Protein backbone atom coordinates (compact mmCIF):
# COMPACT_ATOMS: atom_id res chain seq x y z
CA MET A 1 65.84 118.59 134.61
CA THR A 2 64.11 115.57 132.62
CA THR A 3 65.14 112.03 133.13
CA GLN A 4 66.93 111.95 129.85
CA ASP A 5 68.84 115.17 131.04
CA ALA A 6 69.66 113.34 134.20
CA THR A 7 71.03 110.02 132.66
CA SER A 8 72.96 112.26 129.91
CA LEU A 9 74.57 114.06 132.74
CA LEU A 10 75.68 111.13 134.57
CA ARG A 11 77.09 109.63 131.22
CA ASN A 12 78.95 112.87 130.57
CA GLN A 13 80.08 113.55 134.01
CA LEU A 14 81.47 110.04 134.77
CA SER A 15 82.89 109.25 131.36
CA GLY A 16 86.55 108.12 131.76
CA ILE A 17 86.06 107.69 135.46
CA MET A 18 84.27 104.24 135.23
CA PRO A 19 83.38 102.18 132.10
CA PRO A 20 80.11 102.82 130.21
CA ARG A 21 78.38 99.84 131.61
CA GLU A 22 79.23 100.79 135.01
CA ILE A 23 77.81 104.18 134.76
CA GLU A 24 74.50 102.57 133.38
CA ALA A 25 74.43 100.30 136.55
CA HIS A 26 75.02 103.30 138.60
CA THR A 27 72.12 105.24 137.03
CA ARG A 28 69.61 102.45 137.62
CA VAL A 29 70.67 102.22 141.34
CA ILE A 30 70.45 105.87 141.76
CA PHE A 31 66.96 106.17 140.30
CA GLU A 32 66.03 102.77 142.39
CA GLU A 33 67.04 104.16 145.69
CA VAL A 34 66.16 107.86 145.48
CA LEU A 35 62.73 107.74 143.20
CA ARG A 36 62.06 104.04 143.62
CA TRP A 37 62.00 103.96 139.92
CA ARG A 38 62.34 100.40 138.07
CA PRO A 39 64.74 100.34 134.99
CA VAL A 40 61.97 100.56 132.73
CA ASP A 41 60.68 103.65 134.14
CA ILE A 42 63.91 105.38 133.41
CA VAL A 43 63.08 104.73 129.60
CA MET A 44 59.24 105.19 129.71
CA ARG A 45 59.55 108.54 131.71
CA GLU A 46 62.58 109.87 129.88
CA LYS A 47 60.91 113.37 129.05
CA GLU A 48 59.45 113.81 132.73
CA GLU A 49 60.49 116.59 134.80
CA LEU A 50 62.36 115.37 137.89
CA PRO A 51 61.50 116.81 141.31
CA GLU A 52 64.11 119.29 142.59
CA PHE A 53 65.14 117.39 145.60
CA PHE A 54 66.29 114.74 143.09
CA THR A 55 68.56 117.05 141.01
CA THR A 56 70.13 118.33 143.90
CA LYS A 57 70.90 115.15 145.36
CA LEU A 58 72.14 113.93 141.93
CA ASP A 59 74.78 116.89 141.88
CA ASN A 60 76.03 115.74 145.19
CA ILE A 61 76.17 111.99 144.04
CA ILE A 62 78.04 113.03 140.97
CA THR A 63 80.49 115.13 142.99
CA ARG A 64 81.31 112.28 145.30
CA LEU A 65 81.64 109.59 142.64
CA LYS A 66 84.30 111.89 140.70
CA ARG A 67 86.26 111.52 143.82
CA HIS A 68 85.83 107.83 143.46
CA GLU A 69 83.67 107.38 146.49
CA PRO A 70 81.77 104.18 146.28
CA LEU A 71 77.88 104.65 145.20
CA GLN A 72 76.91 102.30 148.11
CA TYR A 73 78.67 104.45 150.82
CA ILE A 74 77.13 107.52 149.07
CA LEU A 75 73.52 106.16 149.32
CA GLY A 76 74.33 104.47 152.62
CA THR A 77 72.95 101.17 151.23
CA GLY A 78 73.82 98.18 149.02
CA ARG A 79 72.09 94.88 147.65
CA PHE A 80 73.19 91.65 148.94
CA HIS A 81 71.15 88.22 148.45
CA GLY A 82 67.96 90.12 147.60
CA HIS A 83 67.93 92.71 150.47
CA ASN A 84 69.25 96.21 151.13
CA PHE A 85 71.87 96.55 153.72
CA HIS A 86 72.85 99.64 155.67
CA LEU A 87 76.65 100.57 154.72
CA THR A 88 79.19 102.93 155.90
CA PRO A 89 83.10 103.02 155.32
CA ALA A 90 83.40 101.02 158.44
CA VAL A 91 82.50 98.12 156.66
CA LEU A 92 83.34 96.29 153.52
CA ILE A 93 80.80 96.51 150.49
CA PRO A 94 79.42 93.07 149.96
CA ARG A 95 80.59 91.72 146.66
CA PRO A 96 78.29 89.23 144.22
CA GLU A 97 80.75 86.37 144.81
CA THR A 98 79.97 86.17 148.48
CA GLU A 99 76.44 85.63 147.61
CA GLN A 100 77.60 82.50 145.83
CA LEU A 101 79.40 81.56 149.09
CA VAL A 102 75.98 81.90 150.97
CA ASP A 103 74.11 80.13 148.12
CA MET A 104 76.45 77.29 148.67
CA ILE A 105 76.03 76.88 152.47
CA VAL A 106 72.23 77.04 151.90
CA ASP A 107 72.30 74.33 149.21
CA GLN A 108 74.58 72.05 150.98
CA ASN A 109 72.83 72.21 154.44
CA PRO A 110 69.22 71.88 154.18
CA GLN A 111 68.86 70.42 157.73
CA SER A 112 67.13 72.64 160.37
CA ASP A 113 68.36 74.28 163.77
CA LEU A 114 71.97 74.24 162.57
CA GLN A 115 74.38 76.24 164.69
CA VAL A 116 76.05 78.60 162.32
CA LEU A 117 79.09 81.07 163.10
CA ASP A 118 80.15 84.01 160.94
CA ILE A 119 83.52 85.12 161.63
CA GLY A 120 84.42 88.59 160.71
CA THR A 121 80.88 89.48 160.02
CA GLY A 122 81.25 93.23 159.00
CA SER A 123 77.86 94.45 157.82
CA GLY A 124 76.24 91.25 158.78
CA CYS A 125 75.45 90.42 155.13
CA ILE A 126 76.55 86.84 155.30
CA ALA A 127 75.09 86.07 158.66
CA ILE A 128 71.61 87.87 158.33
CA SER A 129 71.27 86.11 154.79
CA LEU A 130 72.10 82.66 156.18
CA ALA A 131 69.57 83.23 159.09
CA ARG A 132 66.96 84.31 156.55
CA ALA A 133 67.48 81.51 154.02
CA MET A 134 68.13 78.43 156.50
CA LYS A 135 65.66 76.43 158.35
CA PHE A 136 65.50 77.74 161.73
CA ALA A 137 69.30 78.19 161.84
CA GLN A 138 70.90 79.50 165.26
CA VAL A 139 73.10 81.96 163.77
CA THR A 140 76.08 83.78 165.90
CA ALA A 141 78.40 86.38 164.24
CA ILE A 142 81.74 87.98 165.58
CA ASP A 143 83.64 90.94 164.86
CA ILE A 144 86.51 92.91 166.22
CA SER A 145 84.86 96.37 165.28
CA ASP A 146 82.33 98.01 167.53
CA GLU A 147 81.08 100.01 164.74
CA ALA A 148 80.72 97.23 162.33
CA LEU A 149 78.85 95.28 164.99
CA ALA A 150 76.36 98.37 165.29
CA ILE A 151 76.00 98.35 161.62
CA ALA A 152 75.35 94.53 161.59
CA GLN A 153 72.75 94.71 164.32
CA ALA A 154 70.98 97.52 162.68
CA ASN A 155 70.88 95.53 159.47
CA ALA A 156 69.34 92.68 161.44
CA THR A 157 66.87 94.61 163.05
CA GLU A 158 65.90 96.43 159.81
CA LEU A 159 65.37 92.75 157.94
CA LYS A 160 63.57 91.65 161.15
CA THR A 161 66.28 88.65 161.53
CA ARG A 162 67.50 87.22 164.83
CA VAL A 163 71.32 86.90 164.93
CA ARG A 164 73.35 86.86 167.93
CA PHE A 165 76.36 89.53 167.39
CA LEU A 166 79.47 89.23 169.82
CA LYS A 167 82.66 91.25 169.83
CA HIS A 168 85.77 88.69 169.58
CA ASP A 169 89.07 88.60 167.85
CA ILE A 170 89.62 85.53 166.09
CA LEU A 171 93.36 86.14 166.58
CA GLY A 172 92.70 86.33 170.36
CA PRO A 173 92.03 83.54 172.77
CA SER A 174 88.40 84.60 173.37
CA ALA A 175 86.33 83.40 170.44
CA PRO A 176 83.01 81.34 171.49
CA SER A 177 83.82 77.98 172.74
CA GLN A 178 80.33 76.47 171.56
CA ALA A 179 80.15 73.56 169.27
CA TRP A 180 79.41 74.49 165.48
CA ASP A 181 77.48 72.74 162.63
CA ILE A 182 78.93 75.32 160.33
CA ILE A 183 81.74 78.23 160.53
CA VAL A 184 82.01 80.57 157.57
CA SER A 185 84.52 83.48 157.20
CA ASN A 186 85.37 86.23 154.55
CA PRO A 187 88.45 87.32 156.40
CA PRO A 188 91.08 89.70 155.20
CA TYR A 189 93.01 88.28 152.42
CA VAL A 190 94.45 90.83 150.07
CA THR A 191 98.31 91.18 150.46
CA LEU A 192 99.67 94.70 150.73
CA ALA A 193 101.48 94.18 147.58
CA GLU A 194 98.24 94.07 145.56
CA GLN A 195 97.34 97.69 146.41
CA ALA A 196 99.11 98.81 143.41
CA THR A 197 96.58 97.08 141.29
CA MET A 198 93.35 98.10 143.26
CA GLU A 199 90.80 100.51 142.13
CA ARG A 200 90.70 103.68 143.95
CA ASN A 201 87.20 103.42 145.11
CA VAL A 202 88.03 100.26 147.13
CA LEU A 203 91.68 101.40 148.26
CA ASP A 204 90.68 105.00 149.18
CA TRP A 205 87.41 104.31 151.00
CA GLU A 206 86.96 100.63 152.11
CA PRO A 207 88.34 99.68 155.80
CA HIS A 208 91.68 98.31 155.35
CA GLN A 209 91.67 96.30 158.36
CA ALA A 210 88.81 94.34 156.57
CA LEU A 211 91.00 93.99 153.37
CA PHE A 212 94.54 93.55 153.84
CA VAL A 213 97.08 91.20 155.29
CA PRO A 214 101.25 91.22 155.36
CA ASP A 215 102.85 90.33 152.06
CA ASP A 216 104.94 87.63 154.49
CA ASP A 217 101.95 86.25 156.39
CA PRO A 218 98.84 86.06 153.96
CA MET A 219 97.35 83.03 156.26
CA LEU A 220 97.32 85.54 159.18
CA TYR A 221 93.60 84.82 159.57
CA TYR A 222 93.32 81.38 158.00
CA ARG A 223 95.40 79.69 160.53
CA PRO A 224 93.47 80.74 163.67
CA ILE A 225 90.39 80.30 161.68
CA ALA A 226 91.33 76.69 160.70
CA SER A 227 92.40 75.80 164.31
CA TYR A 228 89.45 77.14 166.04
CA ALA A 229 87.27 75.20 163.33
CA SER A 230 89.15 72.00 164.14
CA ARG A 231 88.36 72.51 167.68
CA THR A 232 84.91 73.65 167.72
CA LEU A 233 83.09 72.12 164.60
CA LYS A 234 80.90 69.10 165.42
CA SER A 235 81.72 65.62 163.88
CA GLY A 236 80.64 66.17 160.26
CA GLY A 237 80.48 70.04 160.60
CA ARG A 238 81.59 72.26 157.67
CA LEU A 239 84.01 75.23 157.26
CA TYR A 240 83.38 77.64 154.56
CA LEU A 241 85.90 80.31 153.40
CA GLU A 242 86.25 82.93 150.84
CA ILE A 243 89.85 83.24 149.60
CA ASN A 244 92.38 85.11 147.49
CA ARG A 245 92.20 83.62 144.13
CA MET A 246 96.00 83.26 143.96
CA MET A 247 96.32 81.56 147.25
CA ALA A 248 93.98 78.51 147.08
CA SER A 249 96.98 75.95 147.55
CA GLN A 250 98.14 77.85 150.67
CA VAL A 251 94.78 77.93 152.23
CA VAL A 252 94.02 74.06 151.37
CA LEU A 253 97.76 73.27 153.13
CA THR A 254 96.69 75.46 156.19
CA LEU A 255 93.47 73.57 156.46
CA GLN A 256 95.33 70.23 156.21
CA GLN A 257 97.70 71.02 158.74
CA ALA A 258 94.72 71.86 161.06
CA GLY A 259 93.41 68.48 160.79
CA LEU A 260 90.60 69.18 158.54
CA SER A 261 89.59 66.95 155.64
CA LYS A 262 87.47 66.57 152.61
CA ILE A 263 89.02 69.85 151.45
CA GLU A 264 87.67 71.43 148.26
CA VAL A 265 88.30 74.52 146.08
CA HIS A 266 85.40 76.03 144.25
CA ILE A 267 85.44 78.60 141.76
CA ASP A 268 83.18 81.79 141.39
CA SER A 269 81.27 83.03 138.48
CA CYS A 270 84.55 84.44 136.70
CA GLY A 271 86.15 81.29 136.97
CA ASN A 272 88.47 82.12 139.80
CA ASN A 273 89.26 80.11 142.80
CA ARG A 274 87.44 81.77 145.32
CA PHE A 275 86.10 79.37 147.89
CA VAL A 276 87.51 76.64 150.07
CA THR A 277 85.44 74.22 152.11
CA ALA A 278 86.32 71.55 154.54
CA MET A 279 84.88 69.13 157.12
CA LYS A 280 85.87 67.78 160.52
CA THR A 281 85.32 64.14 160.25
CA ASN A 282 84.75 61.34 162.81
CA GLN A 283 88.48 60.22 162.71
CA GLN A 284 89.60 63.67 163.98
C-alpha cells in the first residue's frame, strides 16, 4: 500500500461518517502519530510503499472510526496547548476552546509564584498547561475520579511538569482550604436534553460523569465552585470558568449570588459565550 492508497482508503471508508475536512484532519494526525510524518511528507511521499505495520494499524483505526470511536482514544493521545496528552475514555478529550481559557489565564496573570487550583482536572490538560506556561505557578488539581487522576499524573510526569493532584469532590465538604490566587474549572455543563443533538463520537464514548448535568439543575457544579471561590480566593483573586454557551446569564447570576464581582462573559473563537471570569475584591 502506498501513501496515496492509504489516503484514498481513508477518504472512501470514512465518507458519509464524517465531513471531508475532518477526514483530512484525521489523515494528518494518523500519519503524524504513527509514522511521525509532517503534512508535507504525505504529499511528497505519496508514491512511497508504507511499512506493513502501518497498514495493519490503519485497518484497525478505520474499523474503530466507523464505530464513531474518537481518534484520540484510538491513538491514546491528543494535542492540547502544544503538547501531547495521554487520553482514555475515562477523561474528556480536550477542546480547542479550552486552550483559549488557558491563554486567557496566562495573559491576565503575568505574576510569578501564584497559587492555582484546577477543579475537575480530568486529563490534567489545564493544570499542566498552566504550570508550564506561568511563571513558577504552584498548581494543584482535583478530581473525583481515581482513573482520571492517574492519567493526569502520568501526563504531568511525561511532560516533566510539577502539579499536585488530589482526590476531592467539589460537591462535598472536603475541598482544599488553602487560599488561591486563581481557581479555574471546566465542569460538567451539558444538559441531558442536549443529548439528542450530540455527535455519536461524544455521546457513545466520552465519560458522561464529566459531561452532563440534570435538566432541572444546570448550575449543579457552578454553585459550589462559586461558593468555594468566594471563601478561598485571596483578595484580588480570580475565578475562570468554561460554560455552556446557552447559560451565560445563569452562571453570572450564580457568581453574583456567591458575592463575587467584576464578572465578565467572554466569547470563544466561534463567537459563542464560552467563558465567565470573576474576582474576589477587597469589599468581600
